Amino acid sequence: MENYHPFKSQDAKEAYLKLYDDTAKLWPLPSEVKMIDTSYGKTFVRISGPADVPPLVLLHGMGSNSLMWLRNIESLSEDYRTYAIDDIYGNGRSIYTKTIKDSNDFVNWLDELFDVLELGNNINLMGMSYGGWQAGLYALRFPDRLNKVALLAPAATVLPVSSAFGIRAIFSMLPVRYFTKRLMYWVMEDAVKKDEEAMSELVDAMFLASKSFKTRRPPEPTVFDDDEWKSIGVPMLYVVGENEKIYSAEKAVRHLNTVAPQIKTEIIHNAGHDLASVQAEMVNKKVLEFLKQP
């Protein structure tokens, strides 16, 4: 395997990791980084917070990496030992050595990772978008290992993604910055209104990633059926922005309230798929209130 894997070339690796490391300097509190060996490859983990408090594992969205939690991590790490993970197939420092063929591979990878990190069976797990789908999958397979789960606008999971999102996502795979910007500015409209310069920088970062990494074909996120939702016994929070574009926030909440009333639901105002950043303070507040409830 080439020494630049999973990047397309050594130059691509150096260019992307320079941007990654420059962004990591903005991490607002001390952290420890580890590269964890699993049967699927090496997983990069950034650990923050006190050592003697409960664990909170953070799973980012597709096309992103653990640094997406920059605006959340300080608050989340006050009373929790946070583990911000670079997905084994994500745009970060993790290095896959085995193909992720289906959702079971993701769940097995996470379970191995939690074993090596010695997180035990009282794990708090939070995922955003694609990471929310992964967190939900893990809750279905290994509920006994979890304390609580928070899903932030999970991809599919509750409802099928909209055709409008699907079409834009397909075009964004083309090596043209315009299509990356078109998708991001649409799906994160509230963030554009709040700080267009920051959004333009995010588009640049995502476009650089698309040019730098080898093509990977991660499993498509799935919608859980009613029986799966009803079976979830782990305390779970579902949070979505009112302006969510991947599906209707109102329909998603209504569906969960009908088929799985045991799941707590929250709609965040003035936010869409960008809720974790554009309304970071409110998201942090809702998640921490949920985690601290007896």
C-alpha atoms as a PDB file:
ATOM      1  CA  MET A   1       0.000   0.000   0.000  1.00  0.00           C
ATOM      2  CA  GLU A   2       1.334   3.416  -0.962  1.00  0.00           C
ATOM      3  CA  ASN A   3       2.683   5.577   1.840  1.00  0.00           C
ATOM      4  CA  TYR A   4       0.194   8.282   0.849  1.00  0.00           C
ATOM      5  CA  HIS A   5      -2.910   6.045   1.137  1.00  0.00           C
ATOM      6  CA  PRO A   6      -5.837   6.939   1.365  1.00  0.00           C
ATOM      7  CA  PHE A   7      -4.838   9.992  -0.657  1.00  0.00           C
ATOM      8  CA  LYS A   8      -4.400  10.072  -4.432  1.00  0.00           C
ATOM      9  CA  SER A   9      -0.774  11.156  -4.211  1.00  0.00           C
ATOM     10  CA  GLN A  10       1.882  12.370  -1.816  1.00  0.00           C
ATOM     11  CA  ASP A  11       1.258  15.966  -2.929  1.00  0.00           C
ATOM     12  CA  ALA A  12      -2.471  15.560  -2.266  1.00  0.00           C
ATOM     13  CA  LYS A  13      -1.747  14.151   1.178  1.00  0.00           C
ATOM     14  CA  GLU A  14       0.548  17.025   2.105  1.00  0.00           C
ATOM     15  CA  ALA A  15      -1.853  19.694   0.840  1.00  0.00           C
ATOM     16  CA  TYR A  16      -4.881  18.295   2.632  1.00  0.00           C
ATOM     17  CA  LEU A  17      -3.158  17.493   5.937  1.00  0.00           C
ATOM     18  CA  LYS A  18      -1.691  21.001   6.053  1.00  0.00           C
ATOM     19  CA  LEU A  19      -5.217  22.407   5.914  1.00  0.00           C
ATOM     20  CA  TYR A  20      -6.396  19.824   8.455  1.00  0.00           C
ATOM     21  CA  ASP A  21      -3.582  20.615  10.893  1.00  0.00           C
ATOM     22  CA  ASP A  22      -4.045  24.372  10.492  1.00  0.00           C
ATOM     23  CA  THR A  23      -7.732  23.948  11.339  1.00  0.00           C
ATOM     24  CA  ALA A  24      -6.904  21.684  14.289  1.00  0.00           C
ATOM     25  CA  LYS A  25      -4.997  24.595  15.856  1.00  0.00           C
ATOM     26  CA  LEU A  26      -8.414  26.181  16.468  1.00  0.00           C
ATOM     27  CA  TRP A  27      -9.427  23.325  18.808  1.00  0.00           C
ATOM     28  CA  PRO A  28     -10.319  25.397  21.886  1.00  0.00           C
ATOM     29  CA  LEU A  29      -9.022  23.168  24.677  1.00  0.00           C
ATOM     30  CA  PRO A  30      -6.180  20.747  25.383  1.00  0.00           C
ATOM     31  CA  SER A  31      -6.548  17.375  23.712  1.00  0.00           C
ATOM     32  CA  GLU A  32      -4.781  14.069  23.324  1.00  0.00           C
ATOM     33  CA  VAL A  33      -4.648  12.364  19.954  1.00  0.00           C
ATOM     34  CA  LYS A  34      -4.429   8.630  19.331  1.00  0.00           C
ATOM     35  CA  MET A  35      -4.241   6.404  16.280  1.00  0.00           C
ATOM     36  CA  ILE A  36      -6.187   3.257  17.136  1.00  0.00           C
ATOM     37  CA  ASP A  37      -5.636  -0.043  15.291  1.00  0.00           C
ATOM     38  CA  THR A  38      -8.720  -2.001  14.224  1.00  0.00           C
ATOM     39  CA  SER A  39      -9.229  -4.740  11.665  1.00  0.00           C
ATOM     40  CA  TYR A  40     -10.550  -2.042   9.292  1.00  0.00           C
ATOM     41  CA  GLY A  41      -7.486   0.174   9.603  1.00  0.00           C
ATOM     42  CA  LYS A  42      -6.143   2.942  11.828  1.00  0.00           C
ATOM     43  CA  THR A  43      -8.657   5.335  13.395  1.00  0.00           C
ATOM     44  CA  PHE A  44      -7.666   8.834  14.467  1.00  0.00           C
ATOM     45  CA  VAL A  45      -9.270   9.991  17.726  1.00  0.00           C
ATOM     46  CA  ARG A  46      -9.029  13.383  19.435  1.00  0.00           C
ATOM     47  CA  ILE A  47      -9.690  13.104  23.185  1.00  0.00           C
ATOM     48  CA  SER A  48     -10.654  16.065  25.383  1.00  0.00           C
ATOM     49  CA  GLY A  49     -12.103  16.703  28.817  1.00  0.00           C
ATOM     50  CA  PRO A  50     -11.402  15.328  32.310  1.00  0.00           C
ATOM     51  CA  ALA A  51     -10.197  11.736  32.601  1.00  0.00           C
ATOM     52  CA  ASP A  52     -12.564  10.730  35.412  1.00  0.00           C
ATOM     53  CA  VAL A  53     -15.940  11.569  33.822  1.00  0.00           C
ATOM     54  CA  PRO A  54     -18.292   9.567  31.555  1.00  0.00           C
ATOM     55  CA  PRO A  55     -17.333   9.074  27.892  1.00  0.00           C
ATOM     56  CA  LEU A  56     -19.064  10.880  25.024  1.00  0.00           C
ATOM     57  CA  VAL A  57     -18.183   9.655  21.526  1.00  0.00           C
ATOM     58  CA  LEU A  58     -18.734  12.049  18.601  1.00  0.00           C
ATOM     59  CA  LEU A  59     -19.345  10.838  15.025  1.00  0.00           C
ATOM     60  CA  HIS A  60     -19.182  13.448  12.257  1.00  0.00           C
ATOM     61  CA  GLY A  61     -21.056  13.731   8.978  1.00  0.00           C
ATOM     62  CA  MET A  62     -20.077  12.468   5.529  1.00  0.00           C
ATOM     63  CA  GLY A  63     -17.391  14.477   3.772  1.00  0.00           C
ATOM     64  CA  SER A  64     -16.262  15.948   7.075  1.00  0.00           C
ATOM     65  CA  ASN A  65     -14.015  14.941   9.977  1.00  0.00           C
ATOM     66  CA  SER A  66     -13.766  15.313  13.740  1.00  0.00           C
ATOM     67  CA  LEU A  67     -12.969  19.017  13.443  1.00  0.00           C
ATOM     68  CA  MET A  68     -16.624  19.709  12.643  1.00  0.00           C
ATOM     69  CA  TRP A  69     -17.142  19.776  16.439  1.00  0.00           C
ATOM     70  CA  LEU A  70     -14.999  22.907  16.911  1.00  0.00           C
ATOM     71  CA  ARG A  71     -17.969  24.980  18.101  1.00  0.00           C
ATOM     72  CA  ASN A  72     -19.353  22.278  20.368  1.00  0.00           C
ATOM     73  CA  ILE A  73     -16.380  20.582  21.951  1.00  0.00           C
ATOM     74  CA  GLU A  74     -15.561  23.013  24.764  1.00  0.00           C
ATOM     75  CA  SER A  75     -19.055  22.858  26.218  1.00  0.00           C
ATOM     76  CA  LEU A  76     -19.404  19.102  25.712  1.00  0.00           C
ATOM     77  CA  SER A  77     -16.039  18.422  27.351  1.00  0.00           C
ATOM     78  CA  GLU A  78     -16.760  20.179  30.632  1.00  0.00           C
ATOM     79  CA  ASP A  79     -18.441  17.148  32.195  1.00  0.00           C
ATOM     80  CA  TYR A  80     -17.619  14.411  29.660  1.00  0.00           C
ATOM     81  CA  ARG A  81     -14.504  12.757  28.328  1.00  0.00           C
ATOM     82  CA  THR A  82     -15.068  13.419  24.615  1.00  0.00           C
ATOM     83  CA  TYR A  83     -13.769  11.189  21.831  1.00  0.00           C
ATOM     84  CA  ALA A  84     -14.019  13.002  18.490  1.00  0.00           C
ATOM     85  CA  ILE A  85     -13.440  10.374  15.819  1.00  0.00           C
ATOM     86  CA  ASP A  86     -12.258  10.689  12.229  1.00  0.00           C
ATOM     87  CA  ASP A  87     -14.501   8.188  10.430  1.00  0.00           C
ATOM     88  CA  ILE A  88     -12.533   5.287   8.947  1.00  0.00           C
ATOM     89  CA  TYR A  89     -13.932   6.377   5.531  1.00  0.00           C
ATOM     90  CA  GLY A  90     -14.018  10.111   6.244  1.00  0.00           C
ATOM     91  CA  ASN A  91     -11.906  13.083   5.181  1.00  0.00           C
ATOM     92  CA  GLY A  92      -9.490  13.093   8.063  1.00  0.00           C
ATOM     93  CA  ARG A  93      -6.461  11.273   9.444  1.00  0.00           C
ATOM     94  CA  SER A  94      -7.926   7.774   9.691  1.00  0.00           C
ATOM     95  CA  ILE A  95      -6.494   5.199   7.274  1.00  0.00           C
ATOM     96  CA  TYR A  96      -8.734   2.383   6.071  1.00  0.00           C
ATOM     97  CA  THR A  97      -7.144  -0.917   5.050  1.00  0.00           C
ATOM     98  CA  LYS A  98     -10.329  -2.888   4.446  1.00  0.00           C
ATOM     99  CA  THR A  99     -13.354  -2.016   2.343  1.00  0.00           C
ATOM    100  CA  ILE A 100     -16.476  -1.003   4.246  1.00  0.00           C
ATOM    101  CA  LYS A 101     -19.054  -3.100   2.403  1.00  0.00           C
ATOM    102  CA  ASP A 102     -22.211  -2.496   4.405  1.00  0.00           C
ATOM    103  CA  SER A 103     -23.661  -1.028   7.580  1.00  0.00           C
ATOM    104  CA  ASN A 104     -22.539  -4.040   9.625  1.00  0.00           C
ATOM    105  CA  ASP A 105     -18.928  -3.160   8.852  1.00  0.00           C
ATOM    106  CA  PHE A 106     -19.411   0.310  10.315  1.00  0.00           C
ATOM    107  CA  VAL A 107     -20.951  -1.119  13.476  1.00  0.00           C
ATOM    108  CA  ASN A 108     -18.203  -3.730  13.846  1.00  0.00           C
ATOM    109  CA  TRP A 109     -15.529  -1.070  13.321  1.00  0.00           C
ATOM    110  CA  LEU A 110     -17.040   1.118  16.031  1.00  0.00           C
ATOM    111  CA  ASP A 111     -17.343  -1.788  18.443  1.00  0.00           C
ATOM    112  CA  GLU A 112     -13.683  -2.702  17.949  1.00  0.00           C
ATOM    113  CA  LEU A 113     -12.729   0.929  18.447  1.00  0.00           C
ATOM    114  CA  PHE A 114     -14.675   1.198  21.685  1.00  0.00           C
ATOM    115  CA  ASP A 115     -12.999  -1.991  22.941  1.00  0.00           C
ATOM    116  CA  VAL A 116      -9.488  -0.696  22.284  1.00  0.00           C
ATOM    117  CA  LEU A 117     -10.345   2.654  23.875  1.00  0.00           C
ATOM    118  CA  GLU A 118     -11.646   0.686  26.900  1.00  0.00           C
ATOM    119  CA  LEU A 119     -14.901   2.656  27.020  1.00  0.00           C
ATOM    120  CA  GLY A 120     -16.803  -0.119  28.756  1.00  0.00           C
ATOM    121  CA  ASN A 121     -20.588  -0.414  28.644  1.00  0.00           C
ATOM    122  CA  ASN A 122     -21.769   3.036  29.675  1.00  0.00           C
ATOM    123  CA  ILE A 123     -21.019   4.985  26.502  1.00  0.00           C
ATOM    124  CA  ASN A 124     -22.763   8.186  25.473  1.00  0.00           C
ATOM    125  CA  LEU A 125     -22.865   8.403  21.683  1.00  0.00           C
ATOM    126  CA  MET A 126     -23.682  11.379  19.460  1.00  0.00           C
ATOM    127  CA  GLY A 127     -23.670  11.499  15.678  1.00  0.00           C
ATOM    128  CA  MET A 128     -24.319  14.186  13.089  1.00  0.00           C
ATOM    129  CA  SER A 129     -25.895  13.385   9.695  1.00  0.00           C
ATOM    130  CA  TYR A 130     -24.123  10.252   8.375  1.00  0.00           C
ATOM    131  CA  GLY A 131     -22.618   9.862  11.837  1.00  0.00           C
ATOM    132  CA  GLY A 132     -26.143  10.025  13.248  1.00  0.00           C
ATOM    133  CA  TRP A 133     -27.122   7.088  11.058  1.00  0.00           C
ATOM    134  CA  GLN A 134     -24.050   5.198  12.301  1.00  0.00           C
ATOM    135  CA  ALA A 135     -24.956   5.975  15.925  1.00  0.00           C
ATOM    136  CA  GLY A 136     -28.479   4.698  15.330  1.00  0.00           C
ATOM    137  CA  LEU A 137     -27.149   1.494  13.778  1.00  0.00           C
ATOM    138  CA  TYR A 138     -24.918   0.942  16.784  1.00  0.00           C
ATOM    139  CA  ALA A 139     -27.855   1.478  19.151  1.00  0.00           C
ATOM    140  CA  LEU A 140     -29.798  -1.247  17.339  1.00  0.00           C
ATOM    141  CA  ARG A 141     -26.945  -3.779  17.511  1.00  0.00           C
ATOM    142  CA  PHE A 142     -25.262  -3.038  20.831  1.00  0.00           C
ATOM    143  CA  PRO A 143     -27.757  -1.281  23.131  1.00  0.00           C
ATOM    144  CA  ASP A 144     -26.184  -2.823  26.237  1.00  0.00           C
ATOM    145  CA  ARG A 145     -22.973  -0.877  25.639  1.00  0.00           C
ATOM    146  CA  LEU A 146     -24.736   2.488  25.571  1.00  0.00           C
ATOM    147  CA  ASN A 147     -25.948   4.913  28.213  1.00  0.00           C
ATOM    148  CA  LYS A 148     -27.584   7.526  25.963  1.00  0.00           C
ATOM    149  CA  VAL A 149     -27.631   8.409  22.261  1.00  0.00           C
ATOM    150  CA  ALA A 150     -28.122  11.766  20.519  1.00  0.00           C
ATOM    151  CA  LEU A 151     -28.878  11.921  16.798  1.00  0.00           C
ATOM    152  CA  LEU A 152     -28.370  15.287  15.067  1.00  0.00           C
ATOM    153  CA  ALA A 153     -30.218  15.396  11.738  1.00  0.00           C
ATOM    154  CA  PRO A 154     -29.259  11.798  10.928  1.00  0.00           C
ATOM    155  CA  ALA A 155     -28.977  11.017   7.213  1.00  0.00           C
ATOM    156  CA  ALA A 156     -32.049   8.986   6.181  1.00  0.00           C
ATOM    157  CA  THR A 157     -32.626   6.891   9.372  1.00  0.00           C
ATOM    158  CA  VAL A 158     -36.058   8.466   9.971  1.00  0.00           C
ATOM    159  CA  LEU A 159     -37.184   9.374   6.443  1.00  0.00           C
ATOM    160  CA  PRO A 160     -35.773   8.901   2.926  1.00  0.00           C
ATOM    161  CA  VAL A 161     -33.559  11.769   1.779  1.00  0.00           C
ATOM    162  CA  SER A 162     -35.305  14.202  -0.539  1.00  0.00           C
ATOM    163  CA  SER A 163     -34.811  13.954  -4.289  1.00  0.00           C
ATOM    164  CA  ALA A 164     -33.680  17.590  -4.308  1.00  0.00           C
ATOM    165  CA  PHE A 165     -30.832  16.704  -1.955  1.00  0.00           C
ATOM    166  CA  GLY A 166     -29.991  13.523  -3.851  1.00  0.00           C
ATOM    167  CA  ILE A 167     -29.638  15.312  -7.179  1.00  0.00           C
ATOM    168  CA  ARG A 168     -27.409  18.019  -5.748  1.00  0.00           C
ATOM    169  CA  ALA A 169     -25.317  15.417  -3.921  1.00  0.00           C
ATOM    170  CA  ILE A 170     -24.727  13.475  -7.140  1.00  0.00           C
ATOM    171  CA  PHE A 171     -23.572  16.587  -8.998  1.00  0.00           C
ATOM    172  CA  SER A 172     -21.310  17.534  -6.074  1.00  0.00           C
ATOM    173  CA  MET A 173     -19.269  14.399  -6.763  1.00  0.00           C
ATOM    174  CA  LEU A 174     -18.011  15.992  -9.977  1.00  0.00           C
ATOM    175  CA  PRO A 175     -14.576  17.662  -9.633  1.00  0.00           C
ATOM    176  CA  VAL A 176     -16.029  21.154 -10.066  1.00  0.00           C
ATOM    177  CA  ARG A 177     -16.131  23.612  -7.170  1.00  0.00           C
ATOM    178  CA  TYR A 178     -19.397  25.120  -8.418  1.00  0.00           C
ATOM    179  CA  PHE A 179     -21.313  21.908  -7.645  1.00  0.00           C
ATOM    180  CA  THR A 180     -19.758  21.589  -4.186  1.00  0.00           C
ATOM    181  CA  LYS A 181     -20.743  25.178  -3.444  1.00  0.00           C
ATOM    182  CA  ARG A 182     -24.227  24.656  -4.896  1.00  0.00           C
ATOM    183  CA  LEU A 183     -24.891  21.763  -2.522  1.00  0.00           C
ATOM    184  CA  MET A 184     -23.329  23.322   0.565  1.00  0.00           C
ATOM    185  CA  TYR A 185     -24.929  26.744   0.173  1.00  0.00           C
ATOM    186  CA  TRP A 186     -28.322  25.095  -0.262  1.00  0.00           C
ATOM    187  CA  VAL A 187     -28.147  22.552   2.546  1.00  0.00           C
ATOM    188  CA  MET A 188     -26.515  25.021   4.981  1.00  0.00           C
ATOM    189  CA  GLU A 189     -28.438  28.137   4.043  1.00  0.00           C
ATOM    190  CA  ASP A 190     -28.602  29.500   7.591  1.00  0.00           C
ATOM    191  CA  ALA A 191     -24.826  29.266   7.961  1.00  0.00           C
ATOM    192  CA  VAL A 192     -24.390  31.191   4.704  1.00  0.00           C
ATOM    193  CA  LYS A 193     -26.626  33.972   6.031  1.00  0.00           C
ATOM    194  CA  LYS A 194     -24.680  34.071   9.290  1.00  0.00           C
ATOM    195  CA  ASP A 195     -21.135  34.016   7.878  1.00  0.00           C
ATOM    196  CA  GLU A 196     -20.714  33.582   4.126  1.00  0.00           C
ATOM    197  CA  GLU A 197     -16.929  33.944   4.312  1.00  0.00           C
ATOM    198  CA  ALA A 198     -16.682  30.981   6.701  1.00  0.00           C
ATOM    199  CA  MET A 199     -18.982  28.959   4.451  1.00  0.00           C
ATOM    200  CA  SER A 200     -16.844  29.745   1.419  1.00  0.00           C
ATOM    201  CA  GLU A 201     -13.812  28.449   3.325  1.00  0.00           C
ATOM    202  CA  LEU A 202     -15.733  25.277   4.192  1.00  0.00           C
ATOM    203  CA  VAL A 203     -16.583  24.781   0.517  1.00  0.00           C
ATOM    204  CA  ASP A 204     -12.887  25.183  -0.343  1.00  0.00           C
ATOM    205  CA  ALA A 205     -11.986  22.560   2.270  1.00  0.00           C
ATOM    206  CA  MET A 206     -14.560  20.074   1.039  1.00  0.00           C
ATOM    207  CA  PHE A 207     -13.552  20.616  -2.579  1.00  0.00           C
ATOM    208  CA  LEU A 208      -9.890  20.081  -1.680  1.00  0.00           C
ATOM    209  CA  ALA A 209     -10.877  16.835   0.054  1.00  0.00           C
ATOM    210  CA  SER A 210     -12.761  15.650  -3.032  1.00  0.00           C
ATOM    211  CA  LYS A 211      -9.621  16.205  -5.101  1.00  0.00           C
ATOM    212  CA  SER A 212      -7.241  14.747  -2.517  1.00  0.00           C
ATOM    213  CA  PHE A 213      -8.765  11.445  -1.364  1.00  0.00           C
ATOM    214  CA  LYS A 214      -9.155   8.278  -3.362  1.00  0.00           C
ATOM    215  CA  THR A 215     -12.722   7.429  -4.303  1.00  0.00           C
ATOM    216  CA  ARG A 216     -14.559   5.506  -1.603  1.00  0.00           C
ATOM    217  CA  ARG A 217     -18.094   4.172  -1.857  1.00  0.00           C
ATOM    218  CA  PRO A 218     -19.544   4.165   1.649  1.00  0.00           C
ATOM    219  CA  PRO A 219     -22.860   2.368   2.188  1.00  0.00           C
ATOM    220  CA  GLU A 220     -25.960   4.456   1.525  1.00  0.00           C
ATOM    221  CA  PRO A 221     -27.732   5.470   4.750  1.00  0.00           C
ATOM    222  CA  THR A 222     -30.935   3.528   5.301  1.00  0.00           C
ATOM    223  CA  VAL A 223     -34.309   4.281   6.870  1.00  0.00           C
ATOM    224  CA  PHE A 224     -35.098   2.277  10.010  1.00  0.00           C
ATOM    225  CA  ASP A 225     -38.409   0.466   9.881  1.00  0.00           C
ATOM    226  CA  ASP A 226     -41.105   0.953  12.524  1.00  0.00           C
ATOM    227  CA  ASP A 227     -40.195  -2.223  14.392  1.00  0.00           C
ATOM    228  CA  GLU A 228     -36.572  -1.101  14.662  1.00  0.00           C
ATOM    229  CA  TRP A 229     -37.621   2.251  16.089  1.00  0.00           C
ATOM    230  CA  LYS A 230     -39.986   0.593  18.545  1.00  0.00           C
ATOM    231  CA  SER A 231     -37.226  -1.758  19.697  1.00  0.00           C
ATOM    232  CA  ILE A 232     -34.886   1.028  20.779  1.00  0.00           C
ATOM    233  CA  GLY A 233     -34.710   1.000  24.559  1.00  0.00           C
ATOM    234  CA  VAL A 234     -31.605   3.164  24.982  1.00  0.00           C
ATOM    235  CA  PRO A 235     -32.564   6.725  25.963  1.00  0.00           C
ATOM    236  CA  MET A 236     -32.349   8.640  22.684  1.00  0.00           C
ATOM    237  CA  LEU A 237     -32.579  12.277  21.615  1.00  0.00           C
ATOM    238  CA  TYR A 238     -33.368  13.320  18.040  1.00  0.00           C
ATOM    239  CA  VAL A 239     -32.494  16.922  17.138  1.00  0.00           C
ATOM    240  CA  VAL A 240     -33.188  18.569  13.773  1.00  0.00           C
ATOM    241  CA  GLY A 241     -33.144  22.113  12.400  1.00  0.00           C
ATOM    242  CA  GLU A 242     -36.460  23.587  11.296  1.00  0.00           C
ATOM    243  CA  ASN A 243     -34.975  24.387   7.871  1.00  0.00           C
ATOM    244  CA  GLU A 244     -33.548  20.908   7.268  1.00  0.00           C
ATOM    245  CA  LYS A 245     -33.249  20.127   3.539  1.00  0.00           C
ATOM    246  CA  ILE A 246     -32.462  16.398   3.475  1.00  0.00           C
ATOM    247  CA  TYR A 247     -36.036  15.713   4.588  1.00  0.00           C
ATOM    248  CA  SER A 248     -38.898  17.520   6.311  1.00  0.00           C
ATOM    249  CA  ALA A 249     -38.041  18.220   9.954  1.00  0.00           C
ATOM    250  CA  GLU A 250     -41.719  18.406  10.872  1.00  0.00           C
ATOM    251  CA  LYS A 251     -42.553  15.078   9.199  1.00  0.00           C
ATOM    252  CA  ALA A 252     -39.544  13.387  10.796  1.00  0.00           C
ATOM    253  CA  VAL A 253     -40.516  14.511  14.289  1.00  0.00           C
ATOM    254  CA  ARG A 254     -44.139  13.567  13.720  1.00  0.00           C
ATOM    255  CA  HIS A 255     -43.103  10.117  12.506  1.00  0.00           C
ATOM    256  CA  LEU A 256     -40.888   9.470  15.532  1.00  0.00           C
ATOM    257  CA  ASN A 257     -43.517  10.752  17.951  1.00  0.00           C
ATOM    258  CA  THR A 258     -45.973   8.276  16.411  1.00  0.00           C
ATOM    259  CA  VAL A 259     -43.879   5.107  16.078  1.00  0.00           C
ATOM    260  CA  ALA A 260     -41.321   5.637  18.862  1.00  0.00           C
ATOM    261  CA  PRO A 261     -42.697   8.019  21.495  1.00  0.00           C
ATOM    262  CA  GLN A 262     -39.938   6.937  23.885  1.00  0.00           C
ATOM    263  CA  ILE A 263     -37.492   9.001  21.785  1.00  0.00           C
ATOM    264  CA  LYS A 264     -37.212  12.659  22.793  1.00  0.00           C
ATOM    265  CA  THR A 265     -37.403  15.060  19.835  1.00  0.00           C
ATOM    266  CA  GLU A 266     -36.305  18.680  19.468  1.00  0.00           C
ATOM    267  CA  ILE A 267     -36.552  21.158  16.580  1.00  0.00           C
ATOM    268  CA  ILE A 268     -33.932  23.920  16.503  1.00  0.00           C
ATOM    269  CA  HIS A 269     -35.088  27.232  15.057  1.00  0.00           C
ATOM    270  CA  ASN A 270     -33.086  29.254  12.529  1.00  0.00           C
ATOM    271  CA  ALA A 271     -31.026  26.240  11.485  1.00  0.00           C
ATOM    272  CA  GLY A 272     -30.975  23.480   8.926  1.00  0.00           C
ATOM    273  CA  HIS A 273     -28.348  20.799   8.372  1.00  0.00           C
ATOM    274  CA  ASP A 274     -25.892  23.313   9.837  1.00  0.00           C
ATOM    275  CA  LEU A 275     -27.533  23.185  13.295  1.00  0.00           C
ATOM    276  CA  ALA A 276     -24.409  22.020  15.155  1.00  0.00           C
ATOM    277  CA  SER A 277     -22.476  25.097  14.050  1.00  0.00           C
ATOM    278  CA  VAL A 278     -24.988  27.864  13.333  1.00  0.00           C
ATOM    279  CA  GLN A 279     -26.920  27.149  16.556  1.00  0.00           C
ATOM    280  CA  ALA A 280     -24.096  25.525  18.494  1.00  0.00           C
ATOM    281  CA  GLU A 281     -25.046  27.019  21.865  1.00  0.00           C
ATOM    282  CA  MET A 282     -28.634  25.788  21.637  1.00  0.00           C
ATOM    283  CA  VAL A 283     -27.630  22.334  20.358  1.00  0.00           C
ATOM    284  CA  ASN A 284     -25.070  21.986  23.149  1.00  0.00           C
ATOM    285  CA  LYS A 285     -27.709  23.020  25.701  1.00  0.00           C
ATOM    286  CA  LYS A 286     -30.290  20.509  24.453  1.00  0.00           C
ATOM    287  CA  VAL A 287     -27.781  17.646  24.274  1.00  0.00           C
ATOM    288  CA  LEU A 288     -26.281  18.310  27.702  1.00  0.00           C
ATOM    289  CA  GLU A 289     -29.702  18.627  29.338  1.00  0.00           C
ATOM    290  CA  PHE A 290     -30.619  15.259  27.848  1.00  0.00           C
ATOM    291  CA  LEU A 291     -27.365  13.572  28.881  1.00  0.00           C
ATOM    292  CA  LYS A 292     -27.618  14.835  32.451  1.00  0.00           C
ATOM    293  CA  GLN A 293     -31.209  13.786  33.015  1.00  0.00           C
ATOM    294  CA  PRO A 294     -31.388  10.795  35.396  1.00  0.00           C
END
